[in-house]
Amino acid sequence: MQSFQEDFLNFVIEHDILRFGQFTLKSGRQSPYFFNAGLFNSGEKLSFLAQSYAAAIVHSGQEFDVLFGPAYKGIPLVSATAMVLASNYGINKPFCFNRKETKDHGEHGLIVGAELTGNVMIIDDVITAGTAIQEVSDIIVANGAILVGITVAMDRQERGTGSLSAIHEIEQNHQIKVTSIIDLQDIVDHLQKGKGNERRQQVDAVLAYRKEYGI
C-alpha cells in the first residue's frame, strides 16, 4: 500500500467518513462498513481529498489532456484536484464540468470551464452503477473528446447484478482504466494491522461480506 493510501485511510476513519457497523445499502445489502464521501465537507477535508486524488493520479501514470467533473458532486472535486496537481506536482491541466441543464443565455452551452477536447480524465467520488458514467461518456463523445480514465475515491470491489463489479464493467465497456485512492483490499490490509477485539471483529465482518459479495 502506498503512503498516500495509508494517510487516506487514517484520515477517513478518524473523521468518521469511513465507518464500521451495520449499514443498509441502496442495493439492500447489509454492509459492515460505509464510506460517505459527502462528509468531505470542509476546507480542510476537501483539501486533503484533492491531495489524495492527485497522488492517486500521479501514481497511476495515466496520461490525459483535460479533467472533467460530472455535475454536481464532481464540480468541487475536479476544481480542487486540478489545483493540487498544479501546485504540488507541476501538472497544470485544464478542467471543466457540465451543467445539468443547458444554459440558453450568456455563454450558453452545457460545458463550463475549459474546452472539452482531447483525452479526458473524469474525477468522481464513487461508482455505484455504470449508467451515470455512460451519461458522462456520451457528453464527452458528443464534444469530440475521448474518455481515457476515471479516478474515484473508493472501489468497493463488489459484484453488481452479474459476476463483475460496476467498475470492471465500465473498464470493459469503455476500454479504460479506473483508478481509486483506496479499495476494499486496502481497507482489509489496514484493519489487519490494528489490535484489539473490536478491530478483529471489523476485519472478520468485512472479510465475510467480501466472501459473499466480492469480485
N, C-alpha and C. Protein backbone atom coordinates (compact mmCIF):
# COMPACT_ATOMS: atom_id res chain seq x y z
N MET A 1 0.83 -1.19 0.00
CA MET A 1 0.00 0.00 0.00
C MET A 1 0.87 1.25 0.00
N GLN A 2 0.50 2.23 -0.79
CA GLN A 2 1.26 3.47 -0.87
C GLN A 2 1.00 4.34 0.36
N SER A 3 1.94 5.24 0.67
CA SER A 3 1.81 6.09 1.85
C SER A 3 0.57 6.97 1.76
N PHE A 4 0.23 7.45 0.56
CA PHE A 4 -0.95 8.31 0.44
C PHE A 4 -2.23 7.54 0.75
N GLN A 5 -2.21 6.22 0.49
CA GLN A 5 -3.37 5.40 0.80
C GLN A 5 -3.50 5.16 2.30
N GLU A 6 -2.38 4.93 2.96
CA GLU A 6 -2.38 4.80 4.42
C GLU A 6 -2.88 6.08 5.06
N ASP A 7 -2.37 7.20 4.58
CA ASP A 7 -2.80 8.50 5.12
C ASP A 7 -4.29 8.71 4.90
N PHE A 8 -4.76 8.31 3.74
CA PHE A 8 -6.18 8.48 3.42
C PHE A 8 -7.04 7.64 4.36
N LEU A 9 -6.66 6.39 4.57
CA LEU A 9 -7.43 5.52 5.46
C LEU A 9 -7.44 6.05 6.89
N ASN A 10 -6.31 6.50 7.37
CA ASN A 10 -6.26 7.08 8.71
C ASN A 10 -7.19 8.28 8.82
N PHE A 11 -7.18 9.10 7.78
CA PHE A 11 -7.99 10.33 7.79
C PHE A 11 -9.47 10.02 7.77
N VAL A 12 -9.91 9.13 6.88
CA VAL A 12 -11.34 8.87 6.75
C VAL A 12 -11.89 8.12 7.96
N ILE A 13 -11.08 7.30 8.60
CA ILE A 13 -11.53 6.63 9.81
C ILE A 13 -11.60 7.62 10.97
N GLU A 14 -10.59 8.46 11.08
CA GLU A 14 -10.56 9.47 12.16
C GLU A 14 -11.75 10.42 12.07
N HIS A 15 -12.16 10.77 10.86
CA HIS A 15 -13.24 11.74 10.67
C HIS A 15 -14.60 11.08 10.41
N ASP A 16 -14.69 9.77 10.66
CA ASP A 16 -15.96 9.03 10.51
C ASP A 16 -16.52 9.10 9.09
N ILE A 17 -15.65 9.31 8.12
CA ILE A 17 -16.07 9.24 6.72
C ILE A 17 -16.18 7.78 6.31
N LEU A 18 -15.29 6.96 6.85
CA LEU A 18 -15.38 5.51 6.73
C LEU A 18 -15.74 4.96 8.10
N ARG A 19 -16.93 4.36 8.19
CA ARG A 19 -17.40 3.86 9.48
C ARG A 19 -17.69 2.36 9.40
N PHE A 20 -17.66 1.73 10.55
CA PHE A 20 -17.90 0.30 10.63
C PHE A 20 -19.09 0.04 11.54
N GLY A 21 -19.91 -0.94 11.15
CA GLY A 21 -21.13 -1.27 11.89
C GLY A 21 -22.03 -2.08 10.99
N GLN A 22 -23.31 -1.74 10.97
CA GLN A 22 -24.27 -2.38 10.08
C GLN A 22 -25.00 -1.29 9.29
N PHE A 23 -24.86 -1.33 7.98
CA PHE A 23 -25.43 -0.30 7.12
C PHE A 23 -26.20 -0.95 5.97
N THR A 24 -27.41 -0.46 5.72
CA THR A 24 -28.20 -0.95 4.60
C THR A 24 -27.87 -0.11 3.37
N LEU A 25 -27.36 -0.75 2.34
CA LEU A 25 -27.01 -0.05 1.11
C LEU A 25 -28.23 0.11 0.22
N LYS A 26 -28.09 0.93 -0.80
CA LYS A 26 -29.18 1.14 -1.75
C LYS A 26 -29.60 -0.17 -2.40
N SER A 27 -28.63 -1.09 -2.55
CA SER A 27 -28.90 -2.40 -3.14
C SER A 27 -29.71 -3.30 -2.22
N GLY A 28 -29.81 -2.90 -0.93
CA GLY A 28 -30.48 -3.73 0.05
C GLY A 28 -29.53 -4.61 0.84
N ARG A 29 -28.28 -4.67 0.41
CA ARG A 29 -27.29 -5.47 1.12
C ARG A 29 -26.94 -4.84 2.46
N GLN A 30 -26.65 -5.70 3.44
CA GLN A 30 -26.23 -5.24 4.76
C GLN A 30 -24.70 -5.21 4.80
N SER A 31 -24.14 -4.03 4.80
CA SER A 31 -22.69 -3.88 4.72
C SER A 31 -22.10 -3.58 6.10
N PRO A 32 -20.93 -4.16 6.41
CA PRO A 32 -20.28 -3.89 7.69
C PRO A 32 -19.46 -2.59 7.69
N TYR A 33 -19.47 -1.90 6.56
CA TYR A 33 -18.75 -0.62 6.51
C TYR A 33 -19.49 0.32 5.57
N PHE A 34 -19.26 1.61 5.76
CA PHE A 34 -19.92 2.61 4.92
C PHE A 34 -18.98 3.77 4.69
N PHE A 35 -18.80 4.13 3.42
CA PHE A 35 -17.94 5.24 3.04
C PHE A 35 -18.81 6.38 2.56
N ASN A 36 -18.82 7.49 3.30
CA ASN A 36 -19.68 8.63 2.99
C ASN A 36 -18.84 9.79 2.49
N ALA A 37 -18.65 9.86 1.17
CA ALA A 37 -17.82 10.91 0.57
C ALA A 37 -18.41 12.29 0.77
N GLY A 38 -19.71 12.36 1.07
CA GLY A 38 -20.34 13.65 1.31
C GLY A 38 -19.83 14.34 2.55
N LEU A 39 -19.11 13.61 3.41
CA LEU A 39 -18.59 14.20 4.64
C LEU A 39 -17.24 14.90 4.44
N PHE A 40 -16.74 14.93 3.21
CA PHE A 40 -15.61 15.80 2.90
C PHE A 40 -16.18 17.20 2.69
N ASN A 41 -16.63 17.78 3.80
CA ASN A 41 -17.48 18.97 3.72
C ASN A 41 -16.90 20.22 4.38
N SER A 42 -15.58 20.27 4.49
CA SER A 42 -14.92 21.48 5.00
C SER A 42 -13.70 21.76 4.13
N GLY A 43 -13.16 22.96 4.29
CA GLY A 43 -11.98 23.30 3.50
C GLY A 43 -10.83 22.34 3.74
N GLU A 44 -10.61 21.97 5.00
CA GLU A 44 -9.52 21.05 5.34
C GLU A 44 -9.75 19.69 4.71
N LYS A 45 -10.97 19.19 4.81
CA LYS A 45 -11.26 17.86 4.29
C LYS A 45 -11.19 17.82 2.77
N LEU A 46 -11.73 18.85 2.12
CA LEU A 46 -11.68 18.89 0.66
C LEU A 46 -10.24 19.01 0.18
N SER A 47 -9.44 19.80 0.88
CA SER A 47 -8.03 19.94 0.51
C SER A 47 -7.32 18.61 0.61
N PHE A 48 -7.57 17.87 1.68
CA PHE A 48 -6.95 16.56 1.85
C PHE A 48 -7.41 15.59 0.77
N LEU A 49 -8.71 15.61 0.46
CA LEU A 49 -9.24 14.72 -0.56
C LEU A 49 -8.60 15.01 -1.91
N ALA A 50 -8.47 16.29 -2.25
CA ALA A 50 -7.86 16.66 -3.53
C ALA A 50 -6.40 16.21 -3.59
N GLN A 51 -5.69 16.33 -2.47
CA GLN A 51 -4.30 15.84 -2.43
C GLN A 51 -4.25 14.34 -2.68
N SER A 52 -5.22 13.63 -2.16
CA SER A 52 -5.27 12.18 -2.33
C SER A 52 -5.60 11.81 -3.77
N TYR A 53 -6.55 12.52 -4.37
CA TYR A 53 -6.85 12.30 -5.79
C TYR A 53 -5.60 12.53 -6.65
N ALA A 54 -4.94 13.65 -6.40
CA ALA A 54 -3.76 14.00 -7.20
C ALA A 54 -2.68 12.94 -7.05
N ALA A 55 -2.45 12.47 -5.82
CA ALA A 55 -1.43 11.45 -5.59
C ALA A 55 -1.78 10.15 -6.32
N ALA A 56 -3.07 9.78 -6.30
CA ALA A 56 -3.50 8.56 -6.99
C ALA A 56 -3.33 8.69 -8.50
N ILE A 57 -3.63 9.85 -9.04
CA ILE A 57 -3.49 10.07 -10.48
C ILE A 57 -2.03 10.00 -10.90
N VAL A 58 -1.17 10.67 -10.15
CA VAL A 58 0.26 10.66 -10.46
C VAL A 58 0.82 9.24 -10.35
N HIS A 59 0.42 8.52 -9.30
CA HIS A 59 0.90 7.15 -9.09
C HIS A 59 0.44 6.23 -10.23
N SER A 60 -0.75 6.48 -10.77
CA SER A 60 -1.29 5.61 -11.83
C SER A 60 -0.53 5.77 -13.13
N GLY A 61 0.09 6.93 -13.33
CA GLY A 61 0.81 7.19 -14.57
C GLY A 61 -0.11 7.46 -15.76
N GLN A 62 -1.40 7.61 -15.48
CA GLN A 62 -2.37 7.85 -16.55
C GLN A 62 -2.14 9.21 -17.21
N GLU A 63 -2.08 9.23 -18.51
CA GLU A 63 -1.92 10.48 -19.24
C GLU A 63 -3.27 10.99 -19.72
N PHE A 64 -3.45 12.30 -19.69
CA PHE A 64 -4.72 12.91 -20.09
C PHE A 64 -4.47 14.37 -20.45
N ASP A 65 -5.45 14.95 -21.14
CA ASP A 65 -5.35 16.34 -21.57
C ASP A 65 -6.20 17.29 -20.73
N VAL A 66 -7.33 16.79 -20.26
CA VAL A 66 -8.26 17.64 -19.51
C VAL A 66 -8.96 16.82 -18.44
N LEU A 67 -9.26 17.47 -17.32
CA LEU A 67 -10.01 16.85 -16.23
C LEU A 67 -11.47 17.26 -16.34
N PHE A 68 -12.35 16.30 -16.04
CA PHE A 68 -13.79 16.57 -16.14
C PHE A 68 -14.49 16.13 -14.86
N GLY A 69 -15.34 17.01 -14.31
CA GLY A 69 -16.10 16.70 -13.11
C GLY A 69 -17.59 16.64 -13.40
N PRO A 70 -18.22 15.48 -13.29
CA PRO A 70 -19.67 15.38 -13.54
C PRO A 70 -20.46 16.16 -12.49
N ALA A 71 -21.43 16.95 -12.95
CA ALA A 71 -22.29 17.68 -12.02
C ALA A 71 -23.12 16.67 -11.19
N TYR A 72 -23.35 16.94 -9.90
CA TYR A 72 -22.87 18.13 -9.22
C TYR A 72 -21.64 17.84 -8.34
N LYS A 73 -21.58 16.63 -7.82
CA LYS A 73 -20.53 16.31 -6.85
C LYS A 73 -19.13 16.41 -7.45
N GLY A 74 -19.02 16.18 -8.74
CA GLY A 74 -17.70 16.22 -9.37
C GLY A 74 -17.14 17.61 -9.55
N ILE A 75 -17.97 18.64 -9.41
CA ILE A 75 -17.52 20.01 -9.67
C ILE A 75 -16.45 20.45 -8.66
N PRO A 76 -16.71 20.39 -7.35
CA PRO A 76 -15.64 20.77 -6.42
C PRO A 76 -14.46 19.81 -6.46
N LEU A 77 -14.72 18.54 -6.75
CA LEU A 77 -13.64 17.56 -6.78
C LEU A 77 -12.65 17.84 -7.90
N VAL A 78 -13.17 18.12 -9.09
CA VAL A 78 -12.27 18.37 -10.22
C VAL A 78 -11.55 19.70 -10.06
N SER A 79 -12.23 20.69 -9.51
CA SER A 79 -11.61 22.01 -9.31
C SER A 79 -10.44 21.91 -8.33
N ALA A 80 -10.69 21.27 -7.19
CA ALA A 80 -9.65 21.17 -6.16
C ALA A 80 -8.51 20.28 -6.62
N THR A 81 -8.82 19.19 -7.32
CA THR A 81 -7.77 18.28 -7.80
C THR A 81 -6.87 18.96 -8.82
N ALA A 82 -7.46 19.74 -9.71
CA ALA A 82 -6.66 20.47 -10.70
C ALA A 82 -5.70 21.43 -10.01
N MET A 83 -6.14 22.07 -8.94
CA MET A 83 -5.28 22.99 -8.18
C MET A 83 -4.10 22.26 -7.57
N VAL A 84 -4.36 21.11 -6.96
CA VAL A 84 -3.29 20.36 -6.29
C VAL A 84 -2.31 19.79 -7.31
N LEU A 85 -2.80 19.29 -8.42
CA LEU A 85 -1.89 18.77 -9.46
C LEU A 85 -0.93 19.87 -9.92
N ALA A 86 -1.44 21.09 -10.05
CA ALA A 86 -0.59 22.20 -10.49
C ALA A 86 0.38 22.64 -9.40
N SER A 87 -0.11 22.79 -8.17
CA SER A 87 0.72 23.34 -7.10
C SER A 87 1.72 22.33 -6.54
N ASN A 88 1.33 21.06 -6.46
CA ASN A 88 2.18 20.06 -5.82
C ASN A 88 3.03 19.25 -6.80
N TYR A 89 2.56 19.13 -8.04
CA TYR A 89 3.25 18.26 -8.99
C TYR A 89 3.67 18.96 -10.28
N GLY A 90 3.31 20.21 -10.41
CA GLY A 90 3.66 20.94 -11.63
C GLY A 90 2.91 20.44 -12.85
N ILE A 91 1.76 19.79 -12.64
CA ILE A 91 0.93 19.28 -13.73
C ILE A 91 -0.24 20.23 -13.90
N ASN A 92 -0.11 21.16 -14.82
CA ASN A 92 -1.11 22.21 -14.99
C ASN A 92 -2.06 21.84 -16.12
N LYS A 93 -3.15 21.18 -15.75
CA LYS A 93 -4.12 20.71 -16.74
C LYS A 93 -5.41 21.53 -16.66
N PRO A 94 -6.05 21.78 -17.81
CA PRO A 94 -7.35 22.45 -17.80
C PRO A 94 -8.42 21.53 -17.22
N PHE A 95 -9.49 22.13 -16.74
CA PHE A 95 -10.59 21.32 -16.22
C PHE A 95 -11.93 21.94 -16.61
N CYS A 96 -12.95 21.13 -16.63
CA CYS A 96 -14.29 21.60 -16.93
C CYS A 96 -15.30 20.70 -16.25
N PHE A 97 -16.55 21.12 -16.31
CA PHE A 97 -17.64 20.32 -15.76
C PHE A 97 -18.90 20.64 -16.55
N ASN A 98 -19.93 19.83 -16.35
CA ASN A 98 -21.17 20.03 -17.09
C ASN A 98 -22.26 20.62 -16.22
N ARG A 99 -23.19 21.28 -16.87
CA ARG A 99 -24.42 21.69 -16.22
C ARG A 99 -25.43 20.55 -16.34
N LYS A 100 -26.38 20.53 -15.44
CA LYS A 100 -27.46 19.56 -15.56
C LYS A 100 -28.42 19.96 -16.67
N GLU A 101 -28.58 21.28 -16.87
CA GLU A 101 -29.45 21.76 -17.94
C GLU A 101 -28.66 22.74 -18.79
N THR A 102 -28.90 22.72 -20.08
CA THR A 102 -28.21 23.63 -20.99
C THR A 102 -28.65 25.06 -20.73
N LYS A 103 -27.69 25.98 -20.63
CA LYS A 103 -27.98 27.39 -20.40
C LYS A 103 -28.34 28.05 -21.72
N ASP A 104 -29.46 28.78 -21.76
CA ASP A 104 -29.93 29.37 -23.01
C ASP A 104 -29.65 30.87 -23.09
N HIS A 105 -28.77 31.38 -22.20
CA HIS A 105 -28.39 32.79 -22.27
C HIS A 105 -26.93 32.91 -21.88
N GLY A 106 -26.37 34.11 -21.97
CA GLY A 106 -24.96 34.29 -21.63
C GLY A 106 -24.08 33.50 -22.56
N GLU A 107 -23.18 32.68 -21.97
CA GLU A 107 -22.26 31.91 -22.80
C GLU A 107 -22.88 30.65 -23.39
N HIS A 108 -24.13 30.35 -22.94
CA HIS A 108 -24.87 29.18 -23.45
C HIS A 108 -24.09 27.88 -23.17
N GLY A 109 -24.62 26.79 -23.67
CA GLY A 109 -23.91 25.52 -23.65
C GLY A 109 -24.06 24.72 -22.37
N LEU A 110 -23.55 23.50 -22.45
CA LEU A 110 -23.64 22.54 -21.35
C LEU A 110 -22.36 22.46 -20.54
N ILE A 111 -21.22 22.81 -21.16
CA ILE A 111 -19.92 22.66 -20.52
C ILE A 111 -19.44 24.01 -19.96
N VAL A 112 -18.92 23.98 -18.74
CA VAL A 112 -18.37 25.16 -18.09
C VAL A 112 -16.88 24.93 -17.85
N GLY A 113 -16.08 25.95 -18.14
CA GLY A 113 -14.64 25.84 -17.92
C GLY A 113 -13.89 25.67 -19.21
N ALA A 114 -12.85 24.85 -19.18
CA ALA A 114 -12.02 24.64 -20.36
C ALA A 114 -12.79 23.89 -21.44
N GLU A 115 -12.26 23.94 -22.63
CA GLU A 115 -12.86 23.19 -23.74
C GLU A 115 -12.72 21.69 -23.48
N LEU A 116 -13.80 20.98 -23.71
CA LEU A 116 -13.80 19.53 -23.51
C LEU A 116 -13.26 18.89 -24.79
N THR A 117 -11.97 18.62 -24.79
CA THR A 117 -11.33 18.13 -26.01
C THR A 117 -10.15 17.23 -25.65
N GLY A 118 -9.71 16.41 -26.57
CA GLY A 118 -8.57 15.54 -26.33
C GLY A 118 -8.92 14.37 -25.43
N ASN A 119 -7.93 13.90 -24.69
CA ASN A 119 -8.10 12.76 -23.78
C ASN A 119 -8.58 13.25 -22.42
N VAL A 120 -9.67 12.67 -21.93
CA VAL A 120 -10.36 13.18 -20.75
C VAL A 120 -10.25 12.20 -19.58
N MET A 121 -9.93 12.76 -18.40
CA MET A 121 -9.94 12.02 -17.14
C MET A 121 -11.10 12.54 -16.30
N ILE A 122 -12.02 11.65 -15.92
CA ILE A 122 -13.14 12.00 -15.06
C ILE A 122 -12.72 11.90 -13.60
N ILE A 123 -13.13 12.88 -12.79
CA ILE A 123 -12.93 12.83 -11.34
C ILE A 123 -14.31 12.70 -10.70
N ASP A 124 -14.53 11.62 -9.94
CA ASP A 124 -15.83 11.40 -9.30
C ASP A 124 -15.60 10.82 -7.91
N ASP A 125 -16.66 10.76 -7.10
CA ASP A 125 -16.47 10.25 -5.74
C ASP A 125 -16.47 8.73 -5.70
N VAL A 126 -17.56 8.12 -6.10
CA VAL A 126 -17.63 6.66 -6.16
C VAL A 126 -18.42 6.27 -7.40
N ILE A 127 -18.31 5.00 -7.78
CA ILE A 127 -19.11 4.48 -8.89
C ILE A 127 -19.99 3.37 -8.34
N THR A 128 -21.30 3.58 -8.40
CA THR A 128 -22.22 2.55 -7.92
C THR A 128 -22.93 1.85 -9.08
N ALA A 129 -22.97 2.50 -10.24
CA ALA A 129 -23.60 1.89 -11.42
C ALA A 129 -23.00 2.52 -12.66
N GLY A 130 -23.06 1.77 -13.75
CA GLY A 130 -22.46 2.27 -14.98
C GLY A 130 -23.30 3.29 -15.71
N THR A 131 -24.58 3.45 -15.31
CA THR A 131 -25.47 4.35 -16.04
C THR A 131 -25.01 5.79 -15.97
N ALA A 132 -24.57 6.25 -14.79
CA ALA A 132 -24.14 7.64 -14.64
C ALA A 132 -22.91 7.91 -15.49
N ILE A 133 -21.97 6.97 -15.51
CA ILE A 133 -20.76 7.14 -16.31
C ILE A 133 -21.09 7.12 -17.79
N GLN A 134 -22.06 6.33 -18.19
CA GLN A 134 -22.45 6.29 -19.60
C GLN A 134 -22.98 7.65 -20.04
N GLU A 135 -23.74 8.31 -19.16
CA GLU A 135 -24.26 9.64 -19.48
C GLU A 135 -23.11 10.62 -19.69
N VAL A 136 -22.12 10.56 -18.81
CA VAL A 136 -20.96 11.47 -18.93
C VAL A 136 -20.16 11.12 -20.18
N SER A 137 -20.00 9.84 -20.43
CA SER A 137 -19.27 9.40 -21.62
C SER A 137 -19.93 9.93 -22.89
N ASP A 138 -21.25 9.93 -22.90
CA ASP A 138 -21.98 10.45 -24.07
C ASP A 138 -21.69 11.94 -24.27
N ILE A 139 -21.59 12.69 -23.16
CA ILE A 139 -21.28 14.12 -23.25
C ILE A 139 -19.88 14.31 -23.82
N ILE A 140 -18.94 13.51 -23.34
CA ILE A 140 -17.56 13.61 -23.80
C ILE A 140 -17.46 13.30 -25.29
N VAL A 141 -18.09 12.22 -25.72
CA VAL A 141 -18.06 11.83 -27.13
C VAL A 141 -18.74 12.89 -27.99
N ALA A 142 -19.85 13.45 -27.50
CA ALA A 142 -20.58 14.46 -28.26
C ALA A 142 -19.73 15.70 -28.51
N ASN A 143 -18.74 15.94 -27.65
CA ASN A 143 -17.86 17.09 -27.80
C ASN A 143 -16.59 16.74 -28.59
N GLY A 144 -16.55 15.52 -29.10
CA GLY A 144 -15.40 15.11 -29.89
C GLY A 144 -14.18 14.73 -29.08
N ALA A 145 -14.36 14.53 -27.79
CA ALA A 145 -13.25 14.16 -26.91
C ALA A 145 -13.24 12.64 -26.68
N ILE A 146 -12.22 12.16 -25.97
CA ILE A 146 -12.05 10.72 -25.75
C ILE A 146 -11.90 10.45 -24.26
N LEU A 147 -12.75 9.60 -23.73
CA LEU A 147 -12.63 9.19 -22.33
C LEU A 147 -11.49 8.18 -22.19
N VAL A 148 -10.48 8.51 -21.39
CA VAL A 148 -9.34 7.60 -21.23
C VAL A 148 -9.22 7.05 -19.81
N GLY A 149 -9.89 7.67 -18.83
CA GLY A 149 -9.76 7.18 -17.47
C GLY A 149 -10.72 7.85 -16.52
N ILE A 150 -10.90 7.21 -15.38
CA ILE A 150 -11.74 7.73 -14.30
C ILE A 150 -10.97 7.55 -12.99
N THR A 151 -11.00 8.55 -12.13
CA THR A 151 -10.41 8.42 -10.80
C THR A 151 -11.50 8.64 -9.76
N VAL A 152 -11.64 7.67 -8.85
CA VAL A 152 -12.65 7.75 -7.80
C VAL A 152 -11.97 7.62 -6.44
N ALA A 153 -12.72 7.95 -5.40
CA ALA A 153 -12.16 7.87 -4.05
C ALA A 153 -12.03 6.44 -3.57
N MET A 154 -13.07 5.62 -3.87
CA MET A 154 -13.05 4.25 -3.34
C MET A 154 -13.68 3.26 -4.32
N ASP A 155 -13.09 2.08 -4.38
CA ASP A 155 -13.61 0.95 -5.14
C ASP A 155 -14.02 -0.13 -4.15
N ARG A 156 -15.32 -0.40 -4.07
CA ARG A 156 -15.81 -1.41 -3.13
C ARG A 156 -15.46 -2.82 -3.57
N GLN A 157 -15.00 -3.00 -4.81
CA GLN A 157 -14.65 -4.32 -5.35
C GLN A 157 -15.78 -5.32 -5.07
N GLU A 158 -16.98 -4.88 -5.42
CA GLU A 158 -18.18 -5.64 -5.09
C GLU A 158 -18.96 -5.95 -6.36
N ARG A 159 -19.47 -7.17 -6.46
CA ARG A 159 -20.25 -7.56 -7.62
C ARG A 159 -21.52 -6.72 -7.75
N GLY A 160 -21.89 -6.47 -8.99
CA GLY A 160 -23.18 -5.84 -9.26
C GLY A 160 -24.22 -6.93 -9.40
N THR A 161 -25.02 -6.83 -10.44
CA THR A 161 -26.04 -7.86 -10.66
C THR A 161 -25.45 -9.11 -11.30
N GLY A 162 -24.26 -8.96 -11.93
CA GLY A 162 -23.59 -10.10 -12.55
C GLY A 162 -22.35 -10.49 -11.79
N SER A 163 -21.38 -11.03 -12.51
CA SER A 163 -20.15 -11.51 -11.87
C SER A 163 -19.10 -10.42 -11.72
N LEU A 164 -19.32 -9.28 -12.39
CA LEU A 164 -18.35 -8.19 -12.36
C LEU A 164 -18.84 -7.05 -11.48
N SER A 165 -17.89 -6.25 -11.01
CA SER A 165 -18.26 -5.04 -10.29
C SER A 165 -18.63 -3.97 -11.30
N ALA A 166 -19.27 -2.90 -10.82
CA ALA A 166 -19.62 -1.79 -11.71
C ALA A 166 -18.37 -1.21 -12.36
N ILE A 167 -17.28 -1.14 -11.59
CA ILE A 167 -16.04 -0.58 -12.12
C ILE A 167 -15.46 -1.48 -13.21
N HIS A 168 -15.46 -2.78 -12.99
CA HIS A 168 -14.94 -3.70 -14.01
C HIS A 168 -15.79 -3.67 -15.28
N GLU A 169 -17.11 -3.53 -15.11
CA GLU A 169 -17.98 -3.43 -16.26
C GLU A 169 -17.65 -2.17 -17.07
N ILE A 170 -17.41 -1.07 -16.37
CA ILE A 170 -17.07 0.18 -17.05
C ILE A 170 -15.73 0.05 -17.77
N GLU A 171 -14.76 -0.57 -17.11
CA GLU A 171 -13.45 -0.76 -17.74
C GLU A 171 -13.57 -1.58 -19.02
N GLN A 172 -14.40 -2.62 -18.98
CA GLN A 172 -14.57 -3.46 -20.16
C GLN A 172 -15.36 -2.74 -21.26
N ASN A 173 -16.44 -2.09 -20.87
CA ASN A 173 -17.32 -1.47 -21.86
C ASN A 173 -16.68 -0.29 -22.56
N HIS A 174 -15.84 0.46 -21.81
CA HIS A 174 -15.26 1.68 -22.37
C HIS A 174 -13.78 1.52 -22.70
N GLN A 175 -13.21 0.36 -22.37
CA GLN A 175 -11.79 0.11 -22.63
C GLN A 175 -10.92 1.20 -22.00
N ILE A 176 -11.16 1.44 -20.71
CA ILE A 176 -10.41 2.45 -19.98
C ILE A 176 -9.94 1.85 -18.65
N LYS A 177 -9.16 2.63 -17.92
CA LYS A 177 -8.69 2.23 -16.59
C LYS A 177 -9.34 3.12 -15.54
N VAL A 178 -9.93 2.49 -14.53
CA VAL A 178 -10.47 3.23 -13.39
C VAL A 178 -9.48 3.15 -12.23
N THR A 179 -9.06 4.31 -11.77
CA THR A 179 -8.12 4.40 -10.64
C THR A 179 -8.88 4.80 -9.39
N SER A 180 -8.55 4.19 -8.26
CA SER A 180 -9.18 4.57 -7.00
C SER A 180 -8.10 4.92 -5.98
N ILE A 181 -8.44 5.83 -5.08
CA ILE A 181 -7.49 6.15 -3.99
C ILE A 181 -7.31 4.92 -3.12
N ILE A 182 -8.43 4.30 -2.73
CA ILE A 182 -8.37 3.06 -1.96
C ILE A 182 -9.41 2.09 -2.52
N ASP A 183 -9.24 0.81 -2.18
CA ASP A 183 -10.24 -0.18 -2.50
C ASP A 183 -10.48 -1.06 -1.28
N LEU A 184 -11.35 -2.03 -1.41
CA LEU A 184 -11.72 -2.87 -0.27
C LEU A 184 -10.52 -3.62 0.29
N GLN A 185 -9.63 -4.08 -0.58
CA GLN A 185 -8.45 -4.79 -0.10
C GLN A 185 -7.58 -3.88 0.76
N ASP A 186 -7.49 -2.62 0.41
CA ASP A 186 -6.72 -1.67 1.23
C ASP A 186 -7.33 -1.54 2.62
N ILE A 187 -8.65 -1.53 2.68
CA ILE A 187 -9.33 -1.44 3.98
C ILE A 187 -9.01 -2.68 4.82
N VAL A 188 -9.09 -3.85 4.20
CA VAL A 188 -8.77 -5.09 4.91
C VAL A 188 -7.34 -5.07 5.43
N ASP A 189 -6.40 -4.69 4.56
CA ASP A 189 -4.99 -4.64 4.96
C ASP A 189 -4.78 -3.67 6.12
N HIS A 190 -5.46 -2.54 6.06
CA HIS A 190 -5.32 -1.53 7.11
C HIS A 190 -5.88 -2.05 8.43
N LEU A 191 -7.05 -2.67 8.39
CA LEU A 191 -7.67 -3.18 9.61
C LEU A 191 -6.83 -4.28 10.24
N GLN A 192 -6.22 -5.11 9.41
CA GLN A 192 -5.45 -6.24 9.93
C GLN A 192 -4.19 -5.80 10.67
N LYS A 193 -3.78 -4.56 10.47
CA LYS A 193 -2.62 -4.04 11.19
C LYS A 193 -2.99 -3.60 12.61
N GLY A 194 -4.29 -3.45 12.85
CA GLY A 194 -4.74 -3.00 14.16
C GLY A 194 -4.77 -4.11 15.19
N LYS A 195 -5.00 -3.73 16.43
CA LYS A 195 -5.06 -4.69 17.53
C LYS A 195 -6.36 -4.50 18.30
N GLY A 196 -6.71 -5.53 19.07
CA GLY A 196 -7.91 -5.45 19.90
C GLY A 196 -9.07 -6.21 19.32
N ASN A 197 -10.03 -6.55 20.19
CA ASN A 197 -11.18 -7.34 19.78
C ASN A 197 -12.07 -6.60 18.79
N GLU A 198 -12.23 -5.29 19.00
CA GLU A 198 -13.10 -4.52 18.10
C GLU A 198 -12.54 -4.53 16.68
N ARG A 199 -11.24 -4.35 16.56
CA ARG A 199 -10.63 -4.35 15.24
C ARG A 199 -10.72 -5.74 14.60
N ARG A 200 -10.54 -6.78 15.40
CA ARG A 200 -10.65 -8.15 14.89
C ARG A 200 -12.06 -8.42 14.37
N GLN A 201 -13.07 -7.93 15.10
CA GLN A 201 -14.45 -8.10 14.69
C GLN A 201 -14.73 -7.37 13.38
N GLN A 202 -14.15 -6.18 13.24
CA GLN A 202 -14.31 -5.41 12.00
C GLN A 202 -13.71 -6.16 10.82
N VAL A 203 -12.52 -6.70 11.02
CA VAL A 203 -11.86 -7.46 9.95
C VAL A 203 -12.71 -8.67 9.56
N ASP A 204 -13.18 -9.43 10.54
CA ASP A 204 -13.97 -10.63 10.27
C ASP A 204 -15.25 -10.28 9.51
N ALA A 205 -15.92 -9.19 9.91
CA ALA A 205 -17.16 -8.78 9.27
C ALA A 205 -16.92 -8.37 7.81
N VAL A 206 -15.85 -7.61 7.56
CA VAL A 206 -15.54 -7.17 6.20
C VAL A 206 -15.15 -8.36 5.33
N LEU A 207 -14.36 -9.27 5.88
CA LEU A 207 -13.96 -10.46 5.12
C LEU A 207 -15.16 -11.33 4.77
N ALA A 208 -16.09 -11.47 5.72
CA ALA A 208 -17.29 -12.27 5.46
C ALA A 208 -18.14 -11.62 4.37
N TYR A 209 -18.24 -10.29 4.40
CA TYR A 209 -19.00 -9.58 3.38
C TYR A 209 -18.34 -9.72 2.02
N ARG A 210 -17.01 -9.61 1.99
CA ARG A 210 -16.30 -9.75 0.72
C ARG A 210 -16.47 -11.16 0.16
N LYS A 211 -16.46 -12.17 1.03
CA LYS A 211 -16.63 -13.55 0.57
C LYS A 211 -17.97 -13.74 -0.11
N GLU A 212 -19.00 -13.04 0.39
CA GLU A 212 -20.36 -13.19 -0.15
C GLU A 212 -20.58 -12.35 -1.40
N TYR A 213 -20.02 -11.10 -1.41
CA TYR A 213 -20.36 -10.17 -2.48
C TYR A 213 -19.16 -9.68 -3.29
N GLY A 214 -17.97 -10.03 -2.88
CA GLY A 214 -16.78 -9.52 -3.56
C GLY A 214 -16.56 -10.14 -4.94
N ILE A 215 -15.72 -9.49 -5.71
CA ILE A 215 -15.39 -9.99 -7.05
C ILE A 215 -14.19 -10.91 -6.97
